[in-house]
Amino acid sequence: MTTPSIHLSPEKMREHAGKACALLKTLGNEDRLMLLCQIAFEQLNVGQLEARTGIHQPTLSQQLAVLRQEGVVETEKIGKYVYYRLADPSTMRLMQTLWDIYCGPAEVTTPVD
């Protein structure tokens, strides 16, 4: 792995480190991480997330509320359903990397709708 030649000031590095730590704390919960793994690839509603993750109410709603509060996901109401999606392309990149490392082709099973 090569080190980037761009140098940041200590203040900027600390700012970025703070943002990274906040996101990593949010990801540091198995239920939230499972939800983000699903939301990373397509926007889904609560019923779909429950079916795909096995996380039941009220835990599911509680963890989605944390993700919304932290700004990791955003919602869109379509008809009578609220759909969740990642709010930031950087989070998408991180989730893709985690998926590639931990859930790569050897681990993939048929999706449940």
PDB file of N, CA and C in Angstrom:
ATOM      1  N   MET A   1       0.852  -1.173   0.000  1.00  0.00           N
ATOM      2  CA  MET A   1       0.000   0.000   0.000  1.00  0.00           C
ATOM      3  C   MET A   1       0.898   1.237   0.000  1.00  0.00           C
ATOM      4  N   THR A   2       0.629   2.136  -0.902  1.00  0.00           N
ATOM      5  CA  THR A   2       1.422   3.359  -0.974  1.00  0.00           C
ATOM      6  C   THR A   2       0.761   4.456  -0.157  1.00  0.00           C
ATOM      7  N   THR A   3       1.578   5.317   0.389  1.00  0.00           N
ATOM      8  CA  THR A   3       1.091   6.436   1.183  1.00  0.00           C
ATOM      9  C   THR A   3       0.861   7.625   0.266  1.00  0.00           C
ATOM     10  N   PRO A   4      -0.319   8.264   0.374  1.00  0.00           N
ATOM     11  CA  PRO A   4      -0.566   9.448  -0.458  1.00  0.00           C
ATOM     12  C   PRO A   4       0.470  10.526  -0.160  1.00  0.00           C
ATOM     13  N   SER A   5       0.844  11.266  -1.181  1.00  0.00           N
ATOM     14  CA  SER A   5       1.838  12.324  -0.995  1.00  0.00           C
ATOM     15  C   SER A   5       1.206  13.629  -0.541  1.00  0.00           C
ATOM     16  N   ILE A   6      -0.100  13.655  -0.395  1.00  0.00           N
ATOM     17  CA  ILE A   6      -0.801  14.856   0.055  1.00  0.00           C
ATOM     18  C   ILE A   6      -0.700  14.928   1.574  1.00  0.00           C
ATOM     19  N   HIS A   7      -0.298  16.076   2.072  1.00  0.00           N
ATOM     20  CA  HIS A   7      -0.163  16.258   3.512  1.00  0.00           C
ATOM     21  C   HIS A   7      -1.261  17.187   4.006  1.00  0.00           C
ATOM     22  N   LEU A   8      -1.915  16.770   5.064  1.00  0.00           N
ATOM     23  CA  LEU A   8      -2.947  17.580   5.684  1.00  0.00           C
ATOM     24  C   LEU A   8      -2.397  18.182   6.965  1.00  0.00           C
ATOM     25  N   SER A   9      -2.914  19.333   7.327  1.00  0.00           N
ATOM     26  CA  SER A   9      -2.526  19.942   8.592  1.00  0.00           C
ATOM     27  C   SER A   9      -3.053  19.063   9.728  1.00  0.00           C
ATOM     28  N   PRO A  10      -2.418  19.128  10.886  1.00  0.00           N
ATOM     29  CA  PRO A  10      -2.925  18.356  12.027  1.00  0.00           C
ATOM     30  C   PRO A  10      -4.388  18.676  12.355  1.00  0.00           C
ATOM     31  N   GLU A  11      -4.770  19.939  12.168  1.00  0.00           N
ATOM     32  CA  GLU A  11      -6.157  20.328  12.448  1.00  0.00           C
ATOM     33  C   GLU A  11      -7.123  19.630  11.492  1.00  0.00           C
ATOM     34  N   LYS A  12      -6.764  19.610  10.207  1.00  0.00           N
ATOM     35  CA  LYS A  12      -7.620  18.951   9.213  1.00  0.00           C
ATOM     36  C   LYS A  12      -7.666  17.449   9.459  1.00  0.00           C
ATOM     37  N   MET A  13      -6.505  16.869   9.786  1.00  0.00           N
ATOM     38  CA  MET A  13      -6.463  15.436  10.075  1.00  0.00           C
ATOM     39  C   MET A  13      -7.366  15.097  11.252  1.00  0.00           C
ATOM     40  N   ARG A  14      -7.333  15.940  12.307  1.00  0.00           N
ATOM     41  CA  ARG A  14      -8.168  15.693  13.486  1.00  0.00           C
ATOM     42  C   ARG A  14      -9.647  15.809  13.122  1.00  0.00           C
ATOM     43  N   GLU A  15      -9.987  16.781  12.298  1.00  0.00           N
ATOM     44  CA  GLU A  15     -11.376  16.938  11.854  1.00  0.00           C
ATOM     45  C   GLU A  15     -11.839  15.687  11.109  1.00  0.00           C
ATOM     46  N   HIS A  16     -11.028  15.234  10.182  1.00  0.00           N
ATOM     47  CA  HIS A  16     -11.379  14.031   9.420  1.00  0.00           C
ATOM     48  C   HIS A  16     -11.412  12.795  10.314  1.00  0.00           C
ATOM     49  N   ALA A  17     -10.488  12.711  11.246  1.00  0.00           N
ATOM     50  CA  ALA A  17     -10.462  11.585  12.176  1.00  0.00           C
ATOM     51  C   ALA A  17     -11.736  11.567  13.021  1.00  0.00           C
ATOM     52  N   GLY A  18     -12.193  12.737  13.418  1.00  0.00           N
ATOM     53  CA  GLY A  18     -13.430  12.823  14.195  1.00  0.00           C
ATOM     54  C   GLY A  18     -14.628  12.313  13.417  1.00  0.00           C
ATOM     55  N   LYS A  19     -14.698  12.695  12.153  1.00  0.00           N
ATOM     56  CA  LYS A  19     -15.798  12.222  11.304  1.00  0.00           C
ATOM     57  C   LYS A  19     -15.719  10.714  11.113  1.00  0.00           C
ATOM     58  N   ALA A  20     -14.514  10.211  10.884  1.00  0.00           N
ATOM     59  CA  ALA A  20     -14.329   8.772  10.687  1.00  0.00           C
ATOM     60  C   ALA A  20     -14.706   8.005  11.949  1.00  0.00           C
ATOM     61  N   CYS A  21     -14.288   8.510  13.107  1.00  0.00           N
ATOM     62  CA  CYS A  21     -14.618   7.854  14.375  1.00  0.00           C
ATOM     63  C   CYS A  21     -16.125   7.814  14.610  1.00  0.00           C
ATOM     64  N   ALA A  22     -16.802   8.908  14.296  1.00  0.00           N
ATOM     65  CA  ALA A  22     -18.261   8.942  14.461  1.00  0.00           C
ATOM     66  C   ALA A  22     -18.930   7.889  13.595  1.00  0.00           C
ATOM     67  N   LEU A  23     -18.489   7.770  12.349  1.00  0.00           N
ATOM     68  CA  LEU A  23     -19.068   6.761  11.459  1.00  0.00           C
ATOM     69  C   LEU A  23     -18.736   5.358  11.949  1.00  0.00           C
ATOM     70  N   LEU A  24     -17.500   5.134  12.355  1.00  0.00           N
ATOM     71  CA  LEU A  24     -17.108   3.804  12.827  1.00  0.00           C
ATOM     72  C   LEU A  24     -17.862   3.417  14.097  1.00  0.00           C
ATOM     73  N   LYS A  25     -18.152   4.379  14.976  1.00  0.00           N
ATOM     74  CA  LYS A  25     -18.971   4.089  16.157  1.00  0.00           C
ATOM     75  C   LYS A  25     -20.368   3.650  15.735  1.00  0.00           C
ATOM     76  N   THR A  26     -20.899   4.328  14.734  1.00  0.00           N
ATOM     77  CA  THR A  26     -22.228   3.970  14.233  1.00  0.00           C
ATOM     78  C   THR A  26     -22.207   2.568  13.640  1.00  0.00           C
ATOM     79  N   LEU A  27     -21.146   2.233  12.929  1.00  0.00           N
ATOM     80  CA  LEU A  27     -21.028   0.909  12.323  1.00  0.00           C
ATOM     81  C   LEU A  27     -20.722  -0.175  13.356  1.00  0.00           C
ATOM     82  N   GLY A  28     -20.323   0.227  14.556  1.00  0.00           N
ATOM     83  CA  GLY A  28     -19.903  -0.714  15.575  1.00  0.00           C
ATOM     84  C   GLY A  28     -21.036  -1.451  16.269  1.00  0.00           C
ATOM     85  N   ASN A  29     -22.173  -1.543  15.659  1.00  0.00           N
ATOM     86  CA  ASN A  29     -23.320  -2.283  16.179  1.00  0.00           C
ATOM     87  C   ASN A  29     -23.738  -3.272  15.099  1.00  0.00           C
ATOM     88  N   GLU A  30     -23.843  -4.556  15.440  1.00  0.00           N
ATOM     89  CA  GLU A  30     -24.140  -5.585  14.437  1.00  0.00           C
ATOM     90  C   GLU A  30     -25.437  -5.325  13.687  1.00  0.00           C
ATOM     91  N   ASP A  31     -26.491  -4.924  14.400  1.00  0.00           N
ATOM     92  CA  ASP A  31     -27.770  -4.680  13.727  1.00  0.00           C
ATOM     93  C   ASP A  31     -27.656  -3.531  12.731  1.00  0.00           C
ATOM     94  N   ARG A  32     -27.022  -2.440  13.143  1.00  0.00           N
ATOM     95  CA  ARG A  32     -26.872  -1.303  12.226  1.00  0.00           C
ATOM     96  C   ARG A  32     -26.011  -1.684  11.033  1.00  0.00           C
ATOM     97  N   LEU A  33     -24.958  -2.435  11.271  1.00  0.00           N
ATOM     98  CA  LEU A  33     -24.092  -2.858  10.172  1.00  0.00           C
ATOM     99  C   LEU A  33     -24.845  -3.750   9.196  1.00  0.00           C
ATOM    100  N   MET A  34     -25.652  -4.663   9.710  1.00  0.00           N
ATOM    101  CA  MET A  34     -26.459  -5.517   8.827  1.00  0.00           C
ATOM    102  C   MET A  34     -27.438  -4.687   8.003  1.00  0.00           C
ATOM    103  N   LEU A  35     -28.061  -3.694   8.627  1.00  0.00           N
ATOM    104  CA  LEU A  35     -28.995  -2.833   7.896  1.00  0.00           C
ATOM    105  C   LEU A  35     -28.269  -2.066   6.793  1.00  0.00           C
ATOM    106  N   LEU A  36     -27.113  -1.516   7.122  1.00  0.00           N
ATOM    107  CA  LEU A  36     -26.356  -0.750   6.129  1.00  0.00           C
ATOM    108  C   LEU A  36     -25.867  -1.627   4.991  1.00  0.00           C
ATOM    109  N   CYS A  37     -25.533  -2.877   5.288  1.00  0.00           N
ATOM    110  CA  CYS A  37     -25.123  -3.790   4.216  1.00  0.00           C
ATOM    111  C   CYS A  37     -26.235  -3.969   3.191  1.00  0.00           C
ATOM    112  N   GLN A  38     -27.471  -3.977   3.641  1.00  0.00           N
ATOM    113  CA  GLN A  38     -28.603  -4.123   2.725  1.00  0.00           C
ATOM    114  C   GLN A  38     -28.904  -2.806   2.006  1.00  0.00           C
ATOM    115  N   ILE A  39     -28.909  -1.714   2.749  1.00  0.00           N
ATOM    116  CA  ILE A  39     -29.241  -0.406   2.186  1.00  0.00           C
ATOM    117  C   ILE A  39     -28.169   0.070   1.207  1.00  0.00           C
ATOM    118  N   ALA A  40     -26.953  -0.415   1.363  1.00  0.00           N
ATOM    119  CA  ALA A  40     -25.851   0.032   0.499  1.00  0.00           C
ATOM    120  C   ALA A  40     -26.102  -0.278  -0.966  1.00  0.00           C
ATOM    121  N   PHE A  41     -26.833  -1.320  -1.244  1.00  0.00           N
ATOM    122  CA  PHE A  41     -26.991  -1.752  -2.624  1.00  0.00           C
ATOM    123  C   PHE A  41     -28.319  -1.371  -3.259  1.00  0.00           C
ATOM    124  N   GLU A  42     -29.295  -1.044  -2.442  1.00  0.00           N
ATOM    125  CA  GLU A  42     -30.588  -0.581  -2.962  1.00  0.00           C
ATOM    126  C   GLU A  42     -31.391   0.020  -1.823  1.00  0.00           C
ATOM    127  N   GLN A  43     -32.266   0.949  -2.168  1.00  0.00           N
ATOM    128  CA  GLN A  43     -33.101   1.504  -1.109  1.00  0.00           C
ATOM    129  C   GLN A  43     -34.198   0.498  -0.786  1.00  0.00           C
ATOM    130  N   LEU A  44     -34.462   0.345   0.499  1.00  0.00           N
ATOM    131  CA  LEU A  44     -35.400  -0.661   0.980  1.00  0.00           C
ATOM    132  C   LEU A  44     -36.311  -0.068   2.041  1.00  0.00           C
ATOM    133  N   ASN A  45     -37.507  -0.647   2.178  1.00  0.00           N
ATOM    134  CA  ASN A  45     -38.412  -0.206   3.235  1.00  0.00           C
ATOM    135  C   ASN A  45     -38.253  -1.113   4.454  1.00  0.00           C
ATOM    136  N   VAL A  46     -38.938  -0.775   5.533  1.00  0.00           N
ATOM    137  CA  VAL A  46     -38.789  -1.489   6.796  1.00  0.00           C
ATOM    138  C   VAL A  46     -39.138  -2.969   6.654  1.00  0.00           C
ATOM    139  N   GLY A  47     -40.210  -3.273   5.965  1.00  0.00           N
ATOM    140  CA  GLY A  47     -40.607  -4.675   5.782  1.00  0.00           C
ATOM    141  C   GLY A  47     -39.534  -5.476   5.045  1.00  0.00           C
ATOM    142  N   GLN A  48     -38.968  -4.887   4.007  1.00  0.00           N
ATOM    143  CA  GLN A  48     -37.908  -5.554   3.266  1.00  0.00           C
ATOM    144  C   GLN A  48     -36.667  -5.750   4.132  1.00  0.00           C
ATOM    145  N   LEU A  49     -36.328  -4.722   4.915  1.00  0.00           N
ATOM    146  CA  LEU A  49     -35.158  -4.829   5.801  1.00  0.00           C
ATOM    147  C   LEU A  49     -35.371  -5.901   6.860  1.00  0.00           C
ATOM    148  N   GLU A  50     -36.560  -5.982   7.401  1.00  0.00           N
ATOM    149  CA  GLU A  50     -36.857  -7.010   8.409  1.00  0.00           C
ATOM    150  C   GLU A  50     -36.714  -8.403   7.808  1.00  0.00           C
ATOM    151  N   ALA A  51     -37.252  -8.602   6.605  1.00  0.00           N
ATOM    152  CA  ALA A  51     -37.169  -9.905   5.944  1.00  0.00           C
ATOM    153  C   ALA A  51     -35.730 -10.293   5.609  1.00  0.00           C
ATOM    154  N   ARG A  52     -34.935  -9.345   5.185  1.00  0.00           N
ATOM    155  CA  ARG A  52     -33.564  -9.643   4.755  1.00  0.00           C
ATOM    156  C   ARG A  52     -32.574  -9.797   5.899  1.00  0.00           C
ATOM    157  N   THR A  53     -32.854  -9.145   7.035  1.00  0.00           N
ATOM    158  CA  THR A  53     -31.897  -9.180   8.138  1.00  0.00           C
ATOM    159  C   THR A  53     -32.352 -10.022   9.319  1.00  0.00           C
ATOM    160  N   GLY A  54     -33.649 -10.259   9.433  1.00  0.00           N
ATOM    161  CA  GLY A  54     -34.165 -10.978  10.592  1.00  0.00           C
ATOM    162  C   GLY A  54     -34.223 -10.114  11.843  1.00  0.00           C
ATOM    163  N   ILE A  55     -33.999  -8.820  11.694  1.00  0.00           N
ATOM    164  CA  ILE A  55     -34.085  -7.892  12.826  1.00  0.00           C
ATOM    165  C   ILE A  55     -35.548  -7.479  12.963  1.00  0.00           C
ATOM    166  N   HIS A  56     -36.119  -7.699  14.136  1.00  0.00           N
ATOM    167  CA  HIS A  56     -37.539  -7.438  14.345  1.00  0.00           C
ATOM    168  C   HIS A  56     -37.771  -6.108  15.050  1.00  0.00           C
ATOM    169  N   GLN A  57     -39.038  -5.644  14.947  1.00  0.00           N
ATOM    170  CA  GLN A  57     -39.456  -4.458  15.675  1.00  0.00           C
ATOM    171  C   GLN A  57     -39.360  -4.775  17.161  1.00  0.00           C
ATOM    172  N   PRO A  58     -39.088  -3.849  18.050  1.00  0.00           N
ATOM    173  CA  PRO A  58     -38.794  -2.455  17.823  1.00  0.00           C
ATOM    174  C   PRO A  58     -37.306  -2.176  17.554  1.00  0.00           C
ATOM    175  N   THR A  59     -36.479  -3.228  17.631  1.00  0.00           N
ATOM    176  CA  THR A  59     -35.033  -3.042  17.411  1.00  0.00           C
ATOM    177  C   THR A  59     -34.757  -2.423  16.056  1.00  0.00           C
ATOM    178  N   LEU A  60     -35.456  -2.883  15.041  1.00  0.00           N
ATOM    179  CA  LEU A  60     -35.250  -2.381  13.683  1.00  0.00           C
ATOM    180  C   LEU A  60     -35.498  -0.872  13.625  1.00  0.00           C
ATOM    181  N   SER A  61     -36.628  -0.428  14.145  1.00  0.00           N
ATOM    182  CA  SER A  61     -36.943   1.005  14.129  1.00  0.00           C
ATOM    183  C   SER A  61     -35.958   1.804  14.965  1.00  0.00           C
ATOM    184  N   GLN A  62     -35.555   1.245  16.094  1.00  0.00           N
ATOM    185  CA  GLN A  62     -34.601   1.931  16.964  1.00  0.00           C
ATOM    186  C   GLN A  62     -33.262   2.140  16.247  1.00  0.00           C
ATOM    187  N   GLN A  63     -32.774   1.119  15.570  1.00  0.00           N
ATOM    188  CA  GLN A  63     -31.485   1.225  14.887  1.00  0.00           C
ATOM    189  C   GLN A  63     -31.581   2.112  13.645  1.00  0.00           C
ATOM    190  N   LEU A  64     -32.689   2.076  12.938  1.00  0.00           N
ATOM    191  CA  LEU A  64     -32.870   2.978  11.800  1.00  0.00           C
ATOM    192  C   LEU A  64     -32.913   4.434  12.282  1.00  0.00           C
ATOM    193  N   ALA A  65     -33.509   4.663  13.451  1.00  0.00           N
ATOM    194  CA  ALA A  65     -33.549   6.019  14.008  1.00  0.00           C
ATOM    195  C   ALA A  65     -32.137   6.517  14.317  1.00  0.00           C
ATOM    196  N   VAL A  66     -31.286   5.643  14.851  1.00  0.00           N
ATOM    197  CA  VAL A  66     -29.896   6.026  15.120  1.00  0.00           C
ATOM    198  C   VAL A  66     -29.194   6.375  13.810  1.00  0.00           C
ATOM    199  N   LEU A  67     -29.391   5.556  12.789  1.00  0.00           N
ATOM    200  CA  LEU A  67     -28.754   5.804  11.490  1.00  0.00           C
ATOM    201  C   LEU A  67     -29.225   7.126  10.884  1.00  0.00           C
ATOM    202  N   ARG A  68     -30.508   7.436  11.031  1.00  0.00           N
ATOM    203  CA  ARG A  68     -31.029   8.729  10.546  1.00  0.00           C
ATOM    204  C   ARG A  68     -30.434   9.878  11.344  1.00  0.00           C
ATOM    205  N   GLN A  69     -30.425   9.736  12.670  1.00  0.00           N
ATOM    206  CA  GLN A  69     -29.914  10.790  13.545  1.00  0.00           C
ATOM    207  C   GLN A  69     -28.442  11.082  13.259  1.00  0.00           C
ATOM    208  N   GLU A  70     -27.671  10.069  12.951  1.00  0.00           N
ATOM    209  CA  GLU A  70     -26.248  10.238  12.664  1.00  0.00           C
ATOM    210  C   GLU A  70     -25.998  10.699  11.226  1.00  0.00           C
ATOM    211  N   GLY A  71     -27.069  10.794  10.429  1.00  0.00           N
ATOM    212  CA  GLY A  71     -26.927  11.263   9.049  1.00  0.00           C
ATOM    213  C   GLY A  71     -26.350  10.239   8.098  1.00  0.00           C
ATOM    214  N   VAL A  72     -26.395   8.969   8.488  1.00  0.00           N
ATOM    215  CA  VAL A  72     -25.832   7.903   7.653  1.00  0.00           C
ATOM    216  C   VAL A  72     -26.830   7.479   6.580  1.00  0.00           C
ATOM    217  N   VAL A  73     -28.113   7.522   6.916  1.00  0.00           N
ATOM    218  CA  VAL A  73     -29.151   7.177   5.944  1.00  0.00           C
ATOM    219  C   VAL A  73     -30.104   8.350   5.788  1.00  0.00           C
ATOM    220  N   GLU A  74     -30.786   8.346   4.667  1.00  0.00           N
ATOM    221  CA  GLU A  74     -31.864   9.297   4.436  1.00  0.00           C
ATOM    222  C   GLU A  74     -33.070   8.509   3.962  1.00  0.00           C
ATOM    223  N   THR A  75     -34.228   9.135   4.047  1.00  0.00           N
ATOM    224  CA  THR A  75     -35.465   8.429   3.721  1.00  0.00           C
ATOM    225  C   THR A  75     -36.192   9.115   2.577  1.00  0.00           C
ATOM    226  N   GLU A  76     -37.043   8.322   1.953  1.00  0.00           N
ATOM    227  CA  GLU A  76     -37.930   8.838   0.908  1.00  0.00           C
ATOM    228  C   GLU A  76     -39.244   8.084   1.022  1.00  0.00           C
ATOM    229  N   LYS A  77     -40.328   8.829   1.118  1.00  0.00           N
ATOM    230  CA  LYS A  77     -41.642   8.196   1.188  1.00  0.00           C
ATOM    231  C   LYS A  77     -42.169   8.002  -0.225  1.00  0.00           C
ATOM    232  N   ILE A  78     -42.486   6.761  -0.538  1.00  0.00           N
ATOM    233  CA  ILE A  78     -43.057   6.415  -1.837  1.00  0.00           C
ATOM    234  C   ILE A  78     -44.347   5.651  -1.548  1.00  0.00           C
ATOM    235  N   GLY A  79     -45.480   6.286  -1.868  1.00  0.00           N
ATOM    236  CA  GLY A  79     -46.762   5.679  -1.526  1.00  0.00           C
ATOM    237  C   GLY A  79     -46.884   5.599  -0.015  1.00  0.00           C
ATOM    238  N   LYS A  80     -47.207   4.411   0.492  1.00  0.00           N
ATOM    239  CA  LYS A  80     -47.355   4.255   1.939  1.00  0.00           C
ATOM    240  C   LYS A  80     -46.078   3.757   2.617  1.00  0.00           C
ATOM    241  N   TYR A  81     -45.007   3.588   1.870  1.00  0.00           N
ATOM    242  CA  TYR A  81     -43.759   3.059   2.416  1.00  0.00           C
ATOM    243  C   TYR A  81     -42.674   4.131   2.520  1.00  0.00           C
ATOM    244  N   VAL A  82     -41.851   4.000   3.550  1.00  0.00           N
ATOM    245  CA  VAL A  82     -40.679   4.847   3.719  1.00  0.00           C
ATOM    246  C   VAL A  82     -39.471   3.997   3.338  1.00  0.00           C
ATOM    247  N   TYR A  83     -38.696   4.474   2.383  1.00  0.00           N
ATOM    248  CA  TYR A  83     -37.518   3.755   1.909  1.00  0.00           C
ATOM    249  C   TYR A  83     -36.259   4.406   2.463  1.00  0.00           C
ATOM    250  N   TYR A  84     -35.294   3.570   2.773  1.00  0.00           N
ATOM    251  CA  TYR A  84     -34.022   4.016   3.335  1.00  0.00           C
ATOM    252  C   TYR A  84     -32.918   3.810   2.315  1.00  0.00           C
ATOM    253  N   ARG A  85     -31.972   4.776   2.288  1.00  0.00           N
ATOM    254  CA  ARG A  85     -30.789   4.672   1.430  1.00  0.00           C
ATOM    255  C   ARG A  85     -29.635   5.376   2.125  1.00  0.00           C
ATOM    256  N   LEU A  86     -28.425   5.056   1.691  1.00  0.00           N
ATOM    257  CA  LEU A  86     -27.258   5.713   2.258  1.00  0.00           C
ATOM    258  C   LEU A  86     -27.266   7.179   1.873  1.00  0.00           C
ATOM    259  N   ALA A  87     -26.838   8.019   2.793  1.00  0.00           N
ATOM    260  CA  ALA A  87     -26.882   9.463   2.573  1.00  0.00           C
ATOM    261  C   ALA A  87     -25.601  10.012   1.955  1.00  0.00           C
ATOM    262  N   ASP A  88     -24.516   9.240   2.001  1.00  0.00           N
ATOM    263  CA  ASP A  88     -23.217   9.775   1.612  1.00  0.00           C
ATOM    264  C   ASP A  88     -22.444   8.775   0.753  1.00  0.00           C
ATOM    265  N   PRO A  89     -21.921   9.207  -0.380  1.00  0.00           N
ATOM    266  CA  PRO A  89     -21.139   8.311  -1.236  1.00  0.00           C
ATOM    267  C   PRO A  89     -19.910   7.721  -0.525  1.00  0.00           C
ATOM    268  N   SER A  90     -19.346   8.435   0.436  1.00  0.00           N
ATOM    269  CA  SER A  90     -18.201   7.902   1.180  1.00  0.00           C
ATOM    270  C   SER A  90     -18.604   6.674   1.992  1.00  0.00           C
ATOM    271  N   THR A  91     -19.783   6.731   2.569  1.00  0.00           N
ATOM    272  CA  THR A  91     -20.282   5.575   3.319  1.00  0.00           C
ATOM    273  C   THR A  91     -20.510   4.410   2.370  1.00  0.00           C
ATOM    274  N   MET A  92     -20.984   4.695   1.176  1.00  0.00           N
ATOM    275  CA  MET A  92     -21.177   3.646   0.169  1.00  0.00           C
ATOM    276  C   MET A  92     -19.846   2.960  -0.140  1.00  0.00           C
ATOM    277  N   ARG A  93     -18.792   3.739  -0.300  1.00  0.00           N
ATOM    278  CA  ARG A  93     -17.468   3.168  -0.587  1.00  0.00           C
ATOM    279  C   ARG A  93     -17.005   2.273   0.551  1.00  0.00           C
ATOM    280  N   LEU A  94     -17.212   2.734   1.775  1.00  0.00           N
ATOM    281  CA  LEU A  94     -16.819   1.942   2.934  1.00  0.00           C
ATOM    282  C   LEU A  94     -17.626   0.652   3.013  1.00  0.00           C
ATOM    283  N   MET A  95     -18.924   0.741   2.793  1.00  0.00           N
ATOM    284  CA  MET A  95     -19.772  -0.454   2.846  1.00  0.00           C
ATOM    285  C   MET A  95     -19.391  -1.436   1.740  1.00  0.00           C
ATOM    286  N   GLN A  96     -19.062  -0.925   0.563  1.00  0.00           N
ATOM    287  CA  GLN A  96     -18.629  -1.800  -0.531  1.00  0.00           C
ATOM    288  C   GLN A  96     -17.354  -2.539  -0.152  1.00  0.00           C
ATOM    289  N   THR A  97     -16.424  -1.829   0.482  1.00  0.00           N
ATOM    290  CA  THR A  97     -15.173  -2.452   0.911  1.00  0.00           C
ATOM    291  C   THR A  97     -15.437  -3.522   1.963  1.00  0.00           C
ATOM    292  N   LEU A  98     -16.260  -3.214   2.954  1.00  0.00           N
ATOM    293  CA  LEU A  98     -16.596  -4.204   3.976  1.00  0.00           C
ATOM    294  C   LEU A  98     -17.279  -5.418   3.364  1.00  0.00           C
ATOM    295  N   TRP A  99     -18.182  -5.175   2.426  1.00  0.00           N
ATOM    296  CA  TRP A  99     -18.880  -6.273   1.749  1.00  0.00           C
ATOM    297  C   TRP A  99     -17.867  -7.147   1.002  1.00  0.00           C
ATOM    298  N   ASP A 100     -16.968  -6.519   0.282  1.00  0.00           N
ATOM    299  CA  ASP A 100     -15.961  -7.271  -0.483  1.00  0.00           C
ATOM    300  C   ASP A 100     -15.086  -8.130   0.432  1.00  0.00           C
ATOM    301  N   ILE A 101     -14.713  -7.586   1.594  1.00  0.00           N
ATOM    302  CA  ILE A 101     -13.840  -8.313   2.511  1.00  0.00           C
ATOM    303  C   ILE A 101     -14.582  -9.444   3.223  1.00  0.00           C
ATOM    304  N   TYR A 102     -15.757  -9.151   3.758  1.00  0.00           N
ATOM    305  CA  TYR A 102     -16.432 -10.095   4.636  1.00  0.00           C
ATOM    306  C   TYR A 102     -17.570 -10.887   4.006  1.00  0.00           C
ATOM    307  N   CYS A 103     -18.122 -10.410   2.915  1.00  0.00           N
ATOM    308  CA  CYS A 103     -19.291 -11.065   2.334  1.00  0.00           C
ATOM    309  C   CYS A 103     -19.085 -11.349   0.854  1.00  0.00           C
ATOM    310  N   GLY A 104     -17.841 -11.490   0.432  1.00  0.00           N
ATOM    311  CA  GLY A 104     -17.506 -11.696  -0.972  1.00  0.00           C
ATOM    312  C   GLY A 104     -18.226 -12.882  -1.583  1.00  0.00           C
ATOM    313  N   PRO A 105     -17.911 -13.199  -2.815  1.00  0.00           N
ATOM    314  CA  PRO A 105     -18.621 -14.226  -3.571  1.00  0.00           C
ATOM    315  C   PRO A 105     -18.767 -15.568  -2.857  1.00  0.00           C
ATOM    316  N   ALA A 106     -17.809 -15.965  -2.060  1.00  0.00           N
ATOM    317  CA  ALA A 106     -17.900 -17.252  -1.371  1.00  0.00           C
ATOM    318  C   ALA A 106     -19.002 -17.261  -0.315  1.00  0.00           C
ATOM    319  N   GLU A 107     -19.413 -16.083   0.151  1.00  0.00           N
ATOM    320  CA  GLU A 107     -20.413 -15.983   1.210  1.00  0.00           C
ATOM    321  C   GLU A 107     -21.815 -15.669   0.716  1.00  0.00           C
ATOM    322  N   VAL A 108     -21.971 -15.271  -0.541  1.00  0.00           N
ATOM    323  CA  VAL A 108     -23.246 -14.792  -1.061  1.00  0.00           C
ATOM    324  C   VAL A 108     -24.232 -15.950  -1.242  1.00  0.00           C
ATOM    325  N   THR A 109     -25.477 -15.699  -0.810  1.00  0.00           N
ATOM    326  CA  THR A 109     -26.560 -16.642  -1.034  1.00  0.00           C
ATOM    327  C   THR A 109     -27.643 -15.929  -1.827  1.00  0.00           C
ATOM    328  N   THR A 110     -28.659 -16.649  -2.206  1.00  0.00           N
ATOM    329  CA  THR A 110     -29.760 -16.068  -2.970  1.00  0.00           C
ATOM    330  C   THR A 110     -30.476 -15.024  -2.131  1.00  0.00           C
ATOM    331  N   PRO A 111     -30.678 -13.809  -2.662  1.00  0.00           N
ATOM    332  CA  PRO A 111     -31.362 -12.760  -1.900  1.00  0.00           C
ATOM    333  C   PRO A 111     -32.805 -13.126  -1.582  1.00  0.00           C
ATOM    334  N   VAL A 112     -33.280 -12.642  -0.446  1.00  0.00           N
ATOM    335  CA  VAL A 112     -34.660 -12.843  -0.026  1.00  0.00           C
ATOM    336  C   VAL A 112     -35.401 -11.537  -0.257  1.00  0.00           C
ATOM    337  N   ASP A 113     -36.530 -11.566  -0.943  1.00  0.00           N
ATOM    338  CA  ASP A 113     -37.337 -10.351  -1.150  1.00  0.00           C
ATOM    339  C   ASP A 113     -38.483 -10.293  -0.204  1.00  0.00           C
TER     340      ASP A 113
END
